[in-house]
Amino acid sequence: TTNIRNDLDVDLDLNIDGGDITSSQTTFNLLNTTVTTLNLAGAGTQVNIGSNNGSTNVKNDLNVDGKITVGSSAGATSTIDSADTTFYLANTTAENLYMGGAATVVEIGSTTGTTTINNDLAVDGQATFEQDLQLKGGDLTTNQTTFNLVNAVAETVNFAGAGTTVNIGATTGTTIVK
């Protein structure tokens, strides 16, 4: 064992044939002052950073050329791959997905194509649809005592075009047609 008890200044490359660089300090700065480009593990097929708890902070934009897997590789919950035409977010085990909690605008999909919601949809505010809205279920419901349907600018309203029986209102009360 060779101990160096002072700073060590190496003017050229440093070659380490062993497998570890270790430190007895709780904070270790690696190339911390003047390096602007850091190439790490150029031939690495697996790079591990950090322990199984805590956090890893990236203080600039993060560009990933390959896939991003959230969760362990065996039990992945999300996969991001910019080369794919299909993108899965929290696809396998996530039961709750919270997205854009403070967002004032959330846009889903392009202006063409189909957006499918496979479960009940609860809208707490006003919903604006730029295209047609198709309901595959049998009911359009509300928990409000007043419900306005086609209330704004439509001058022609086509309703129940194929209906052989049309029920309006309850069996008691008043139905007003203006």
Protein backbone atom coordinates (compact mmCIF):
# COMPACT_ATOMS: atom_id res chain seq x y z
CA THR A 1 0.00 0.00 0.00
CA THR A 2 1.25 3.43 -0.92
CA ASN A 3 -0.23 6.37 1.00
CA ILE A 4 -0.07 9.91 -0.41
CA ARG A 5 -0.69 12.39 2.39
CA ASN A 6 -0.74 15.51 0.21
CA ASP A 7 -2.52 16.60 -2.97
CA LEU A 8 -1.51 14.64 -6.07
CA ASP A 9 -1.21 16.57 -9.35
CA VAL A 10 -1.18 14.41 -12.49
CA ASP A 11 -0.42 16.33 -15.70
CA LEU A 12 -1.35 13.55 -18.14
CA ASP A 13 -3.84 10.68 -18.19
CA LEU A 14 -4.37 8.51 -15.13
CA ASN A 15 -4.62 4.77 -15.71
CA ILE A 16 -6.11 2.60 -12.96
CA ASP A 17 -5.91 -1.15 -13.48
CA GLY A 18 -7.97 -1.98 -10.39
CA GLY A 19 -11.76 -2.03 -10.30
CA ASP A 20 -12.56 0.66 -7.72
CA ILE A 21 -11.95 4.26 -6.77
CA THR A 22 -13.04 4.56 -3.14
CA SER A 23 -13.32 7.35 -0.60
CA SER A 24 -13.84 7.50 3.15
CA GLN A 25 -15.63 10.86 2.77
CA THR A 26 -19.43 11.26 2.62
CA THR A 27 -19.09 13.85 -0.19
CA PHE A 28 -16.85 13.10 -3.15
CA ASN A 29 -16.37 15.63 -5.97
CA LEU A 30 -15.26 14.11 -9.26
CA LEU A 31 -14.01 16.54 -11.92
CA ASN A 32 -15.92 19.30 -10.19
CA THR A 33 -14.28 22.57 -11.24
CA THR A 34 -13.38 23.16 -14.89
CA VAL A 35 -14.65 20.15 -16.85
CA THR A 36 -17.44 21.19 -19.26
CA THR A 37 -17.82 17.84 -21.08
CA LEU A 38 -17.72 14.60 -19.12
CA ASN A 39 -17.63 11.30 -20.98
CA LEU A 40 -18.50 8.49 -18.62
CA ALA A 41 -18.45 4.75 -19.28
CA GLY A 42 -18.18 5.05 -23.06
CA ALA A 43 -18.40 1.28 -23.52
CA GLY A 44 -20.68 0.73 -20.51
CA THR A 45 -23.71 -1.45 -21.17
CA GLN A 46 -25.00 -0.91 -17.63
CA VAL A 47 -24.33 2.27 -15.62
CA ASN A 48 -25.63 2.40 -12.03
CA ILE A 49 -25.93 5.75 -10.24
CA GLY A 50 -26.80 6.01 -6.57
CA SER A 51 -28.39 3.65 -4.09
CA ASN A 52 -31.94 2.29 -3.99
CA ASN A 53 -33.15 5.31 -2.03
CA GLY A 54 -32.50 9.04 -2.07
CA SER A 55 -32.59 11.10 -5.25
CA THR A 56 -30.52 11.82 -8.34
CA ASN A 57 -30.66 15.40 -9.58
CA VAL A 58 -30.07 16.45 -13.18
CA LYS A 59 -29.75 20.23 -13.30
CA ASN A 60 -29.96 20.69 -17.08
CA ASP A 61 -31.96 19.29 -19.99
CA LEU A 62 -31.82 15.51 -20.20
CA ASN A 63 -31.51 14.04 -23.68
CA VAL A 64 -31.96 10.28 -23.93
CA ASP A 65 -31.29 8.47 -27.19
CA GLY A 66 -32.55 5.09 -25.96
CA LYS A 67 -35.48 3.99 -23.82
CA ILE A 68 -36.30 5.32 -20.35
CA THR A 69 -37.76 2.78 -17.92
CA VAL A 70 -39.40 3.99 -14.71
CA GLY A 71 -39.31 1.34 -11.99
CA SER A 72 -37.09 -1.71 -12.03
CA SER A 73 -36.33 -3.16 -15.44
CA ALA A 74 -38.22 -6.35 -14.51
CA GLY A 75 -41.31 -4.54 -13.16
CA ALA A 76 -41.26 -1.44 -15.33
CA THR A 77 -44.21 0.91 -14.92
CA SER A 78 -43.38 3.31 -17.77
CA THR A 79 -41.32 3.13 -20.91
CA ILE A 80 -40.36 6.08 -23.08
CA ASP A 81 -38.78 5.44 -26.46
CA SER A 82 -38.56 8.30 -28.94
CA ALA A 83 -38.00 5.88 -31.83
CA ASP A 84 -41.34 4.15 -31.31
CA THR A 85 -44.62 5.38 -32.78
CA THR A 86 -46.39 4.08 -29.66
CA PHE A 87 -45.67 5.60 -26.25
CA TYR A 88 -46.66 3.94 -22.98
CA LEU A 89 -46.82 6.05 -19.82
CA ALA A 90 -47.40 4.16 -16.56
CA ASN A 91 -48.63 1.24 -18.61
CA THR A 92 -48.39 -1.91 -16.50
CA THR A 93 -48.93 -1.51 -12.76
CA ALA A 94 -49.87 2.12 -12.04
CA GLU A 95 -53.41 2.28 -10.66
CA ASN A 96 -53.48 6.07 -10.25
CA LEU A 97 -51.95 8.50 -12.73
CA TYR A 98 -51.76 12.15 -11.78
CA MET A 99 -50.75 14.45 -14.60
CA GLY A 100 -50.58 18.19 -14.88
CA GLY A 101 -51.97 18.94 -11.41
CA ALA A 102 -51.54 22.71 -11.77
CA ALA A 103 -51.93 22.79 -15.56
CA THR A 104 -54.46 25.27 -16.93
CA VAL A 105 -54.31 23.72 -20.41
CA VAL A 106 -53.93 19.98 -21.09
CA GLU A 107 -53.95 18.90 -24.71
CA ILE A 108 -54.32 15.25 -25.66
CA GLY A 109 -53.74 13.95 -29.16
CA SER A 110 -53.55 15.63 -32.53
CA THR A 111 -56.35 17.29 -34.46
CA THR A 112 -57.01 14.00 -36.28
CA GLY A 113 -57.30 10.44 -35.06
CA THR A 114 -59.10 8.99 -32.06
CA THR A 115 -58.73 9.46 -28.31
CA THR A 116 -60.26 6.54 -26.42
CA ILE A 117 -61.20 6.61 -22.74
CA ASN A 118 -61.90 3.06 -21.58
CA ASN A 119 -63.57 3.91 -18.26
CA ASP A 120 -66.07 6.41 -16.89
CA LEU A 121 -65.06 10.03 -17.50
CA ALA A 122 -65.78 12.60 -14.80
CA VAL A 123 -65.44 16.24 -15.87
CA ASP A 124 -65.57 18.70 -12.96
CA GLY A 125 -65.37 21.82 -15.12
CA GLN A 126 -66.44 22.78 -18.60
CA ALA A 127 -65.29 20.49 -21.43
CA THR A 128 -64.81 21.76 -24.97
CA PHE A 129 -64.67 19.30 -27.84
CA GLU A 130 -63.25 20.49 -31.16
CA GLN A 131 -64.59 17.39 -32.93
CA ASP A 132 -67.58 15.07 -32.50
CA LEU A 133 -68.18 13.33 -29.19
CA GLN A 134 -69.29 9.72 -29.48
CA LEU A 135 -70.68 7.94 -26.42
CA LYS A 136 -70.51 4.16 -26.59
CA GLY A 137 -72.21 3.79 -23.24
CA GLY A 138 -75.95 4.21 -22.80
CA ASP A 139 -76.13 7.24 -20.51
CA LEU A 140 -75.13 10.89 -20.33
CA THR A 141 -75.67 11.78 -16.67
CA THR A 142 -75.22 14.69 -14.26
CA ASN A 143 -75.48 15.25 -10.51
CA GLN A 144 -76.83 18.79 -11.01
CA THR A 145 -80.51 19.77 -10.68
CA THR A 146 -80.29 21.87 -13.88
CA PHE A 147 -78.67 20.35 -16.96
CA ASN A 148 -78.32 22.35 -20.18
CA LEU A 149 -77.88 20.33 -23.35
CA VAL A 150 -77.01 22.21 -26.56
CA ASN A 151 -77.66 25.53 -24.81
CA ALA A 152 -75.56 28.07 -26.71
CA VAL A 153 -75.68 28.86 -30.43
CA ALA A 154 -77.12 25.84 -32.24
CA GLU A 155 -80.12 26.93 -34.34
CA THR A 156 -80.91 23.45 -35.62
CA VAL A 157 -80.84 20.51 -33.23
CA ASN A 158 -81.33 16.99 -34.56
CA PHE A 159 -82.29 14.60 -31.80
CA ALA A 160 -83.06 10.88 -31.68
CA GLY A 161 -83.12 10.54 -35.46
CA ALA A 162 -83.48 6.74 -35.31
CA GLY A 163 -85.50 6.68 -32.10
CA THR A 164 -88.71 4.67 -32.26
CA THR A 165 -89.59 5.64 -28.69
CA VAL A 166 -88.58 9.03 -27.22
CA ASN A 167 -89.21 9.63 -23.52
CA ILE A 168 -88.99 13.20 -22.21
CA GLY A 169 -89.32 13.96 -18.51
CA ALA A 170 -90.72 11.97 -15.63
CA THR A 171 -94.17 10.39 -15.47
CA THR A 172 -95.32 13.37 -13.40
CA GLY A 173 -94.56 17.07 -13.66
CA THR A 174 -94.56 19.49 -16.57
CA THR A 175 -92.73 19.28 -19.90
CA ILE A 176 -92.41 22.62 -21.68
CA VAL A 177 -91.63 22.88 -25.41
CA LYS A 178 -91.06 26.44 -26.66
